[in-house]
Protein backbone atom coordinates (compact mmCIF):
# COMPACT_ATOMS: atom_id res chain seq x y z
CA MET A 1 82.94 -63.91 17.06
CA ASP A 2 83.23 -65.49 14.30
CA PHE A 3 83.27 -62.90 11.64
CA LEU A 4 83.99 -65.39 8.84
CA ALA A 5 80.98 -67.40 9.60
CA LEU A 6 79.07 -63.76 9.83
CA PHE A 7 80.02 -62.99 6.37
CA ASP A 8 79.07 -66.49 4.70
CA PHE A 9 75.39 -65.49 6.62
CA LEU A 10 75.30 -62.19 4.98
CA GLU A 11 76.21 -63.34 1.92
CA SER A 12 73.68 -65.98 1.47
CA LEU A 13 71.16 -63.51 2.89
CA SER A 14 72.36 -60.71 0.14
CA ARG A 15 71.28 -63.92 -2.51
CA ASN A 16 67.73 -64.63 -0.58
CA ASN A 17 66.93 -61.60 0.74
CA HIS A 18 63.09 -62.35 1.76
CA LYS A 19 61.49 -63.60 4.92
CA ASP A 20 60.54 -66.97 3.69
CA TRP A 21 64.56 -67.29 3.43
CA MET A 22 65.55 -65.70 6.78
CA ASP A 23 62.73 -68.09 8.73
CA ARG A 24 64.02 -70.98 7.49
CA HIS A 25 67.88 -69.64 8.65
CA ARG A 26 66.58 -67.98 11.77
CA ALA A 27 68.12 -69.97 13.88
CA THR A 28 71.49 -68.93 12.58
CA TYR A 29 70.56 -65.47 12.66
CA GLN A 30 69.83 -65.58 16.43
CA ALA A 31 72.92 -67.69 17.26
CA LEU A 32 75.28 -65.01 15.39
CA ARG A 33 73.11 -62.19 16.38
CA GLU A 34 73.99 -63.49 20.47
CA ASP A 35 77.60 -64.26 19.42
CA PHE A 36 77.73 -60.73 18.40
CA ILE A 37 76.24 -59.42 21.42
CA ALA A 38 78.61 -61.07 23.44
CA TRP A 39 81.43 -59.88 21.23
CA LEU A 40 80.36 -56.32 21.98
CA ASP A 41 79.86 -56.98 25.80
CA ARG A 42 83.63 -57.96 25.90
CA LEU A 43 84.34 -54.70 23.50
CA ASP A 44 82.22 -52.22 25.43
CA ALA A 45 84.05 -53.48 29.17
CA ARG A 46 87.62 -53.01 27.40
CA LEU A 47 86.89 -49.33 26.09
CA ALA A 48 85.35 -48.83 29.62
CA GLU A 49 88.44 -49.50 30.58
CA MET A 50 90.29 -46.95 28.57
CA ASP A 51 88.13 -43.96 28.43
CA PRO A 52 87.35 -42.88 32.03
CA ASP A 53 84.40 -40.85 30.41
CA TYR A 54 82.70 -43.77 28.78
CA TYR A 55 79.05 -44.61 28.95
CA PRO A 56 78.37 -48.50 29.31
CA THR A 57 75.92 -49.69 26.53
CA PRO A 58 75.28 -53.75 26.74
CA GLY A 59 75.50 -55.22 23.28
CA ARG A 60 71.92 -56.11 23.43
CA VAL A 61 71.11 -51.94 23.85
CA GLY A 62 73.96 -50.90 21.17
CA ILE A 63 73.18 -53.47 18.40
CA ASN A 64 70.75 -52.49 15.51
CA ARG A 65 68.36 -54.11 13.63
CA ILE A 66 69.01 -55.91 10.48
CA ASN A 67 65.04 -55.45 9.44
CA ASN A 68 65.27 -52.15 7.12
CA ASN A 69 62.77 -49.75 7.54
CA LEU A 70 60.67 -50.31 4.30
CA MET A 71 57.91 -47.91 5.49
CA PHE A 72 60.07 -45.16 4.55
CA HIS A 73 62.43 -46.16 2.18
CA PRO A 74 60.21 -49.28 0.46
CA ASP A 75 62.72 -49.48 -2.21
CA ARG A 76 65.45 -50.83 0.21
CA PRO A 77 65.65 -54.76 0.60
CA VAL A 78 64.23 -56.11 3.26
CA TYR A 79 66.72 -56.88 5.32
CA LYS A 80 70.54 -55.29 5.74
CA ASP A 81 73.92 -56.64 4.55
CA HIS A 82 75.36 -55.74 7.66
CA PHE A 83 75.28 -55.95 11.81
CA GLY A 84 76.13 -52.49 13.21
CA ALA A 85 75.98 -51.37 16.82
CA GLY A 86 76.31 -47.81 18.67
CA LEU A 87 78.44 -48.01 21.60
CA ASP A 88 79.09 -45.07 23.91
CA LYS A 89 75.92 -44.03 23.30
CA ALA A 90 74.87 -41.51 26.19
CA PRO A 91 71.68 -39.71 25.59
CA GLY A 92 71.93 -36.95 23.20
CA THR A 93 75.68 -37.38 22.69
CA ALA A 94 78.25 -38.28 19.50
CA ASP A 95 78.68 -42.36 19.68
CA PHE A 96 80.59 -44.76 18.44
CA TYR A 97 79.37 -47.06 15.54
CA ILE A 98 80.63 -50.46 14.42
CA GLU A 99 79.64 -51.74 11.07
CA VAL A 100 80.45 -55.41 10.13
CA GLY A 101 78.90 -56.14 6.40
CA LEU A 102 79.31 -56.64 2.74
CA SER A 103 79.21 -53.21 0.61
CA GLN A 104 80.99 -51.84 3.44
CA SER A 105 82.48 -51.86 6.94
CA MET A 106 83.52 -49.00 9.06
CA LEU A 107 84.58 -47.81 12.59
CA ALA A 108 82.31 -44.11 12.45
CA GLY A 109 81.44 -41.50 15.44
CA GLY A 110 79.89 -38.19 15.78
CA VAL A 111 76.49 -36.94 15.18
CA TRP A 112 74.42 -37.76 11.95
CA ARG A 113 71.81 -34.89 10.44
CA PRO A 114 71.45 -34.13 14.44
CA GLY A 115 67.77 -32.21 14.30
CA PRO A 116 67.70 -28.29 14.56
CA ASP A 117 68.24 -27.53 18.33
CA ARG A 118 71.52 -30.08 18.47
CA LEU A 119 72.89 -28.44 14.88
CA ARG A 120 72.78 -25.49 16.32
CA LYS A 121 74.74 -26.16 19.39
CA VAL A 122 77.63 -27.32 17.20
CA ARG A 123 77.73 -24.47 15.22
CA GLU A 124 77.44 -21.97 18.20
CA ALA A 125 80.58 -24.09 19.32
CA ILE A 126 82.43 -24.00 16.27
CA ASP A 127 81.85 -19.84 15.63
CA TYR A 128 83.37 -19.97 19.62
CA ASP A 129 86.10 -21.66 19.05
CA GLY A 130 86.29 -23.82 15.52
CA GLU A 131 90.02 -23.61 15.36
CA VAL A 132 90.04 -26.52 17.68
CA LEU A 133 88.11 -28.90 16.05
CA GLN A 134 89.95 -27.88 12.89
CA ALA A 135 93.09 -28.57 14.73
CA ILE A 136 91.40 -32.26 15.73
CA LEU A 137 90.74 -32.35 12.34
CA ASP A 138 94.38 -31.34 10.71
CA ARG A 139 96.25 -33.86 12.73
CA PRO A 140 98.24 -36.14 10.93
CA ALA A 141 97.46 -39.24 12.64
CA PHE A 142 92.97 -38.29 12.71
CA ARG A 143 93.33 -37.24 8.83
CA LYS A 144 95.27 -40.76 8.15
CA ALA A 145 92.82 -42.92 10.26
CA PHE A 146 89.62 -40.80 8.81
CA GLY A 147 90.16 -38.64 6.11
CA GLY A 148 88.29 -35.69 7.17
CA LEU A 149 84.44 -35.15 8.06
CA TYR A 150 81.82 -37.96 6.71
CA PRO A 151 80.94 -36.53 3.19
CA ASP A 152 77.01 -36.25 3.70
CA GLN A 153 74.43 -32.81 3.25
CA LYS A 154 76.28 -29.63 3.24
CA LEU A 155 74.65 -26.23 2.41
CA THR A 156 76.09 -24.33 -0.60
CA ARG A 157 75.28 -20.81 1.43
CA MET A 158 76.54 -19.89 4.90
CA PRO A 159 73.70 -20.75 7.69
CA LYS A 160 71.79 -18.12 8.90
CA GLY A 161 73.31 -15.40 11.00
CA TYR A 162 77.15 -16.25 10.53
CA PRO A 163 78.96 -14.46 8.00
CA THR A 164 80.24 -15.65 4.78
CA ASP A 165 83.67 -14.54 5.20
CA HIS A 166 83.63 -16.20 8.50
CA PRO A 167 87.27 -18.09 9.40
CA HIS A 168 85.31 -21.64 9.85
CA ALA A 169 82.96 -21.16 6.93
CA ASP A 170 83.60 -24.68 5.37
CA LEU A 171 82.60 -26.19 8.96
CA LEU A 172 79.57 -24.46 9.68
CA LYS A 173 78.26 -25.30 6.29
CA HIS A 174 78.29 -29.24 7.03
CA LYS A 175 74.66 -30.87 8.57
CA THR A 176 76.76 -34.24 9.85
CA PHE A 177 79.30 -33.74 12.16
CA ALA A 178 80.67 -37.64 11.97
CA VAL A 179 84.20 -39.62 10.72
CA ALA A 180 84.59 -42.54 9.42
CA ALA A 181 87.31 -45.21 9.24
CA PRO A 182 86.89 -48.04 6.18
CA LEU A 183 87.54 -51.55 7.26
CA SER A 184 88.51 -54.32 4.95
CA ARG A 185 87.73 -58.20 5.42
CA SER A 186 91.19 -59.10 6.43
CA ARG A 187 91.35 -56.35 9.26
CA ILE A 188 88.20 -57.75 10.56
CA LEU A 189 89.42 -61.24 10.41
CA ALA A 190 92.69 -60.40 11.19
CA PRO A 191 93.48 -61.66 14.99
CA ASP A 192 94.58 -58.02 16.03
CA PHE A 193 90.82 -56.59 15.07
CA GLU A 194 90.10 -55.61 18.50
CA GLU A 195 93.04 -53.96 19.04
CA HIS A 196 92.86 -52.12 16.18
CA ILE A 197 89.04 -50.84 17.30
CA LEU A 198 90.72 -49.55 20.68
CA ASN A 199 93.27 -47.68 18.42
CA THR A 200 91.00 -45.98 16.64
CA TYR A 201 88.43 -45.60 19.34
CA ARG A 202 91.46 -43.38 21.02
CA GLU A 203 92.16 -41.63 18.03
CA MET A 204 88.54 -40.33 17.60
CA LEU A 205 88.19 -39.38 20.97
CA PRO A 206 88.81 -35.60 20.76
CA PHE A 207 86.64 -35.02 18.00
CA ARG A 208 84.05 -36.83 20.19
CA ARG A 209 84.35 -35.09 22.76
CA TYR A 210 84.68 -31.66 21.11
CA LEU A 211 80.89 -32.39 19.90
CA ASN A 212 79.75 -33.62 23.48
CA ARG A 213 80.72 -30.42 24.51
CA ALA A 214 79.25 -28.62 22.24
CA LEU A 215 76.06 -30.93 22.34
CA SER A 216 75.99 -30.48 26.52
CA VAL A 217 75.76 -26.56 26.57
């Protein structure tokens, strides 16, 4: 995958974020998209070799649309400033996400703002053995890679049914259970970028497996 060409295209798109420009450069976009899908397919195969529980996800299935959803977010640009994809996307589980873009690039995984039923399951797991999740989050290598849970929506009070002095009160207040490792452009353009992805995936696995066990109940 020619990530330098991808960055060049996204920079031009960000300066000309409208349909007329995209229509004139759609062939370039489609060629980059096909290359990104082929790269995702190779990465998908390598992850499947590494993780016996991996859920095969072809690049064409995992890749996200470049169009923003203007119906719900009319203030956003017509097109995103990144290429993104979810891998290991078994239905109802915590997937692995890759984003390569201008404003941010990252490797992430977990569950983003789950609905009431899935959120309840995660909180029940934390109530039962939250010390296991906390131990994963506290591992030095994990903290170095991800810092901690992704800072998203969080309750100010304990969720209904849990005491204020719960030993895992802070975890229970979260509404998103995900982690993210930022990527610099130099990291993406480095020859060992795929190895970095594999290492990050491996470091994230215990966290995602904890969530998947909770969600499977």
